Amino acid sequence: MMDNRSAIEAIEIAERATPLCPCGELTGATGRDGNVWLECVSLREEPKGGAIVRLLRAIVAPVHVQELIIDSVDQAA
């Protein structure tokens, strides 16, 4: 099982390695279903701007950062 210090270190390493999403937004750690993910902050909030702005963002950067940092299943074993 991962201790708190190792978990914090893993999160900090992931955030330093990928501070920005290809869409230009920041990335950050998010807890979901017992796991910790590094993901684009735009995935957490309602899209800003009008329909045209949202469409252009989707075309320019269709893939947002969303990578697993800490997997609770692996930590339970």
N, C-alpha and C. Protein backbone atom coordinates (compact mmCIF):
# COMPACT_ATOMS: atom_id res chain seq x y z
N MET A 1 0.85 -1.18 0.00
CA MET A 1 0.00 0.00 0.00
C MET A 1 0.89 1.24 0.00
N MET A 2 0.48 2.25 -0.75
CA MET A 2 1.24 3.49 -0.87
C MET A 2 0.97 4.37 0.34
N ASP A 3 2.05 4.90 0.94
CA ASP A 3 1.86 5.81 2.07
C ASP A 3 1.59 7.22 1.54
N ASN A 4 1.20 8.11 2.45
CA ASN A 4 0.83 9.48 2.06
C ASN A 4 1.97 10.22 1.37
N ARG A 5 3.18 10.06 1.88
CA ARG A 5 4.33 10.76 1.30
C ARG A 5 4.56 10.32 -0.14
N SER A 6 4.48 9.01 -0.40
CA SER A 6 4.67 8.49 -1.76
C SER A 6 3.55 8.95 -2.69
N ALA A 7 2.33 9.00 -2.17
CA ALA A 7 1.19 9.45 -2.97
C ALA A 7 1.36 10.92 -3.37
N ILE A 8 1.75 11.74 -2.41
CA ILE A 8 1.95 13.17 -2.69
C ILE A 8 3.07 13.35 -3.70
N GLU A 9 4.14 12.59 -3.55
CA GLU A 9 5.26 12.67 -4.48
C GLU A 9 4.84 12.27 -5.90
N ALA A 10 4.05 11.22 -6.01
CA ALA A 10 3.57 10.77 -7.33
C ALA A 10 2.70 11.85 -7.99
N ILE A 11 1.86 12.49 -7.21
CA ILE A 11 1.00 13.55 -7.73
C ILE A 11 1.84 14.75 -8.18
N GLU A 12 2.80 15.15 -7.35
CA GLU A 12 3.64 16.30 -7.70
C GLU A 12 4.47 16.03 -8.95
N ILE A 13 4.99 14.82 -9.10
CA ILE A 13 5.77 14.46 -10.29
C ILE A 13 4.89 14.54 -11.54
N ALA A 14 3.67 14.01 -11.45
CA ALA A 14 2.76 14.04 -12.59
C ALA A 14 2.38 15.46 -12.97
N GLU A 15 2.11 16.30 -11.97
CA GLU A 15 1.73 17.69 -12.25
C GLU A 15 2.89 18.49 -12.85
N ARG A 16 4.12 18.22 -12.39
CA ARG A 16 5.28 18.92 -12.97
C ARG A 16 5.56 18.43 -14.39
N ALA A 17 5.35 17.15 -14.64
CA ALA A 17 5.64 16.59 -15.96
C ALA A 17 4.66 17.08 -17.02
N THR A 18 3.40 17.29 -16.63
CA THR A 18 2.37 17.71 -17.58
C THR A 18 1.54 18.84 -16.98
N PRO A 19 2.10 20.05 -16.93
CA PRO A 19 1.36 21.15 -16.31
C PRO A 19 0.23 21.70 -17.17
N LEU A 20 0.32 21.49 -18.49
CA LEU A 20 -0.70 22.01 -19.40
C LEU A 20 -1.26 20.91 -20.29
N CYS A 21 -2.53 21.04 -20.59
CA CYS A 21 -3.22 20.17 -21.54
C CYS A 21 -2.95 20.72 -22.95
N PRO A 22 -3.02 19.88 -23.98
CA PRO A 22 -2.88 20.39 -25.35
C PRO A 22 -3.88 21.50 -25.70
N CYS A 23 -5.00 21.57 -24.99
CA CYS A 23 -5.98 22.61 -25.26
C CYS A 23 -5.58 23.96 -24.67
N GLY A 24 -4.51 23.99 -23.85
CA GLY A 24 -4.04 25.23 -23.26
C GLY A 24 -4.44 25.44 -21.82
N GLU A 25 -5.34 24.62 -21.31
CA GLU A 25 -5.77 24.73 -19.92
C GLU A 25 -4.75 24.04 -19.00
N LEU A 26 -4.79 24.40 -17.72
CA LEU A 26 -3.95 23.76 -16.73
C LEU A 26 -4.42 22.33 -16.47
N THR A 27 -3.54 21.52 -15.91
CA THR A 27 -3.92 20.19 -15.45
C THR A 27 -3.85 20.18 -13.93
N GLY A 28 -4.49 19.22 -13.31
CA GLY A 28 -4.46 19.10 -11.87
C GLY A 28 -4.92 17.72 -11.44
N ALA A 29 -4.56 17.36 -10.23
CA ALA A 29 -4.94 16.06 -9.69
C ALA A 29 -6.40 16.10 -9.24
N THR A 30 -7.11 15.00 -9.52
CA THR A 30 -8.52 14.88 -9.15
C THR A 30 -8.75 13.48 -8.60
N GLY A 31 -9.44 13.39 -7.48
CA GLY A 31 -9.81 12.10 -6.93
C GLY A 31 -11.17 11.67 -7.43
N ARG A 32 -11.24 10.41 -7.89
CA ARG A 32 -12.52 9.90 -8.39
C ARG A 32 -12.53 8.38 -8.23
N ASP A 33 -13.54 7.85 -7.57
CA ASP A 33 -13.71 6.41 -7.38
C ASP A 33 -12.51 5.76 -6.70
N GLY A 34 -11.90 6.48 -5.77
CA GLY A 34 -10.77 5.94 -5.04
C GLY A 34 -9.44 6.05 -5.77
N ASN A 35 -9.45 6.54 -6.99
CA ASN A 35 -8.23 6.72 -7.77
C ASN A 35 -7.88 8.19 -7.84
N VAL A 36 -6.63 8.48 -8.20
CA VAL A 36 -6.20 9.87 -8.41
C VAL A 36 -5.79 10.00 -9.87
N TRP A 37 -6.37 10.99 -10.54
CA TRP A 37 -6.13 11.23 -11.96
C TRP A 37 -5.49 12.60 -12.15
N LEU A 38 -4.64 12.71 -13.17
CA LEU A 38 -4.18 14.01 -13.63
C LEU A 38 -5.04 14.30 -14.84
N GLU A 39 -5.75 15.42 -14.79
CA GLU A 39 -6.63 15.73 -15.92
C GLU A 39 -6.73 17.22 -16.16
N CYS A 40 -7.14 17.53 -17.36
CA CYS A 40 -7.38 18.91 -17.77
C CYS A 40 -8.49 19.50 -16.90
N VAL A 41 -8.25 20.72 -16.41
CA VAL A 41 -9.27 21.34 -15.55
C VAL A 41 -10.56 21.61 -16.32
N SER A 42 -10.48 21.69 -17.66
CA SER A 42 -11.70 21.94 -18.44
C SER A 42 -12.66 20.76 -18.35
N LEU A 43 -12.18 19.58 -17.98
CA LEU A 43 -13.06 18.42 -17.84
C LEU A 43 -13.90 18.50 -16.58
N ARG A 44 -13.51 19.36 -15.65
CA ARG A 44 -14.21 19.49 -14.37
C ARG A 44 -15.28 20.56 -14.37
N GLU A 45 -15.27 21.43 -15.35
CA GLU A 45 -16.19 22.57 -15.32
C GLU A 45 -16.95 22.69 -16.64
N GLU A 46 -17.96 23.49 -16.60
CA GLU A 46 -18.73 23.76 -17.81
C GLU A 46 -17.87 24.52 -18.80
N PRO A 47 -17.95 24.18 -20.08
CA PRO A 47 -17.16 24.91 -21.08
C PRO A 47 -17.50 26.40 -21.08
N LYS A 48 -16.45 27.22 -21.23
CA LYS A 48 -16.63 28.67 -21.26
C LYS A 48 -16.76 29.13 -22.71
N GLY A 49 -17.44 30.23 -22.90
CA GLY A 49 -17.60 30.78 -24.25
C GLY A 49 -18.86 30.26 -24.92
N GLY A 50 -19.09 30.80 -26.08
CA GLY A 50 -20.27 30.39 -26.83
C GLY A 50 -20.05 29.08 -27.56
N ALA A 51 -21.04 28.69 -28.31
CA ALA A 51 -20.99 27.41 -29.04
C ALA A 51 -19.83 27.37 -30.02
N ILE A 52 -19.53 28.48 -30.67
CA ILE A 52 -18.44 28.51 -31.65
C ILE A 52 -17.10 28.31 -30.95
N VAL A 53 -16.90 28.96 -29.81
CA VAL A 53 -15.65 28.81 -29.06
C VAL A 53 -15.48 27.36 -28.62
N ARG A 54 -16.54 26.74 -28.10
CA ARG A 54 -16.46 25.35 -27.66
C ARG A 54 -16.17 24.42 -28.83
N LEU A 55 -16.78 24.69 -29.97
CA LEU A 55 -16.55 23.87 -31.16
C LEU A 55 -15.11 23.98 -31.63
N LEU A 56 -14.59 25.19 -31.68
CA LEU A 56 -13.20 25.39 -32.09
C LEU A 56 -12.22 24.70 -31.15
N ARG A 57 -12.46 24.78 -29.86
CA ARG A 57 -11.60 24.11 -28.88
C ARG A 57 -11.64 22.60 -29.09
N ALA A 58 -12.81 22.07 -29.39
CA ALA A 58 -12.93 20.63 -29.61
C ALA A 58 -12.19 20.19 -30.86
N ILE A 59 -12.18 21.03 -31.89
CA ILE A 59 -11.49 20.70 -33.14
C ILE A 59 -9.98 20.82 -32.98
N VAL A 60 -9.53 21.89 -32.34
CA VAL A 60 -8.10 22.14 -32.20
C VAL A 60 -7.43 21.15 -31.26
N ALA A 61 -8.06 20.82 -30.18
CA ALA A 61 -7.48 19.91 -29.19
C ALA A 61 -8.51 18.88 -28.76
N PRO A 62 -8.76 17.87 -29.61
CA PRO A 62 -9.80 16.91 -29.30
C PRO A 62 -9.46 15.99 -28.13
N VAL A 63 -8.19 15.90 -27.78
CA VAL A 63 -7.79 15.01 -26.70
C VAL A 63 -7.30 15.84 -25.51
N HIS A 64 -7.93 15.65 -24.38
CA HIS A 64 -7.52 16.32 -23.15
C HIS A 64 -6.69 15.35 -22.32
N VAL A 65 -5.81 15.90 -21.48
CA VAL A 65 -5.03 15.08 -20.57
C VAL A 65 -5.96 14.42 -19.58
N GLN A 66 -5.83 13.12 -19.44
CA GLN A 66 -6.57 12.37 -18.43
C GLN A 66 -5.81 11.07 -18.20
N GLU A 67 -4.90 11.08 -17.22
CA GLU A 67 -4.07 9.91 -16.97
C GLU A 67 -4.12 9.53 -15.50
N LEU A 68 -4.10 8.25 -15.28
CA LEU A 68 -4.17 7.71 -13.93
C LEU A 68 -2.83 7.90 -13.21
N ILE A 69 -2.86 8.48 -12.02
CA ILE A 69 -1.66 8.65 -11.21
C ILE A 69 -1.58 7.54 -10.17
N ILE A 70 -2.67 7.35 -9.42
CA ILE A 70 -2.71 6.35 -8.36
C ILE A 70 -3.94 5.48 -8.57
N ASP A 71 -3.72 4.19 -8.73
CA ASP A 71 -4.79 3.23 -8.95
C ASP A 71 -5.08 2.51 -7.64
N SER A 72 -6.28 2.69 -7.11
CA SER A 72 -6.64 2.10 -5.81
C SER A 72 -6.65 0.59 -5.86
N VAL A 73 -6.91 -0.01 -7.01
CA VAL A 73 -6.90 -1.48 -7.13
C VAL A 73 -5.48 -1.99 -6.94
N ASP A 74 -4.49 -1.33 -7.57
CA ASP A 74 -3.11 -1.74 -7.42
C ASP A 74 -2.62 -1.55 -5.98
N GLN A 75 -3.11 -0.50 -5.33
CA GLN A 75 -2.67 -0.20 -3.97
C GLN A 75 -3.25 -1.17 -2.95
N ALA A 76 -4.41 -1.77 -3.27
CA ALA A 76 -5.05 -2.70 -2.34
C ALA A 76 -4.35 -4.05 -2.31
N ALA A 77 -3.66 -4.38 -3.39
CA ALA A 77 -3.01 -5.69 -3.49
C ALA A 77 -1.75 -5.78 -2.66
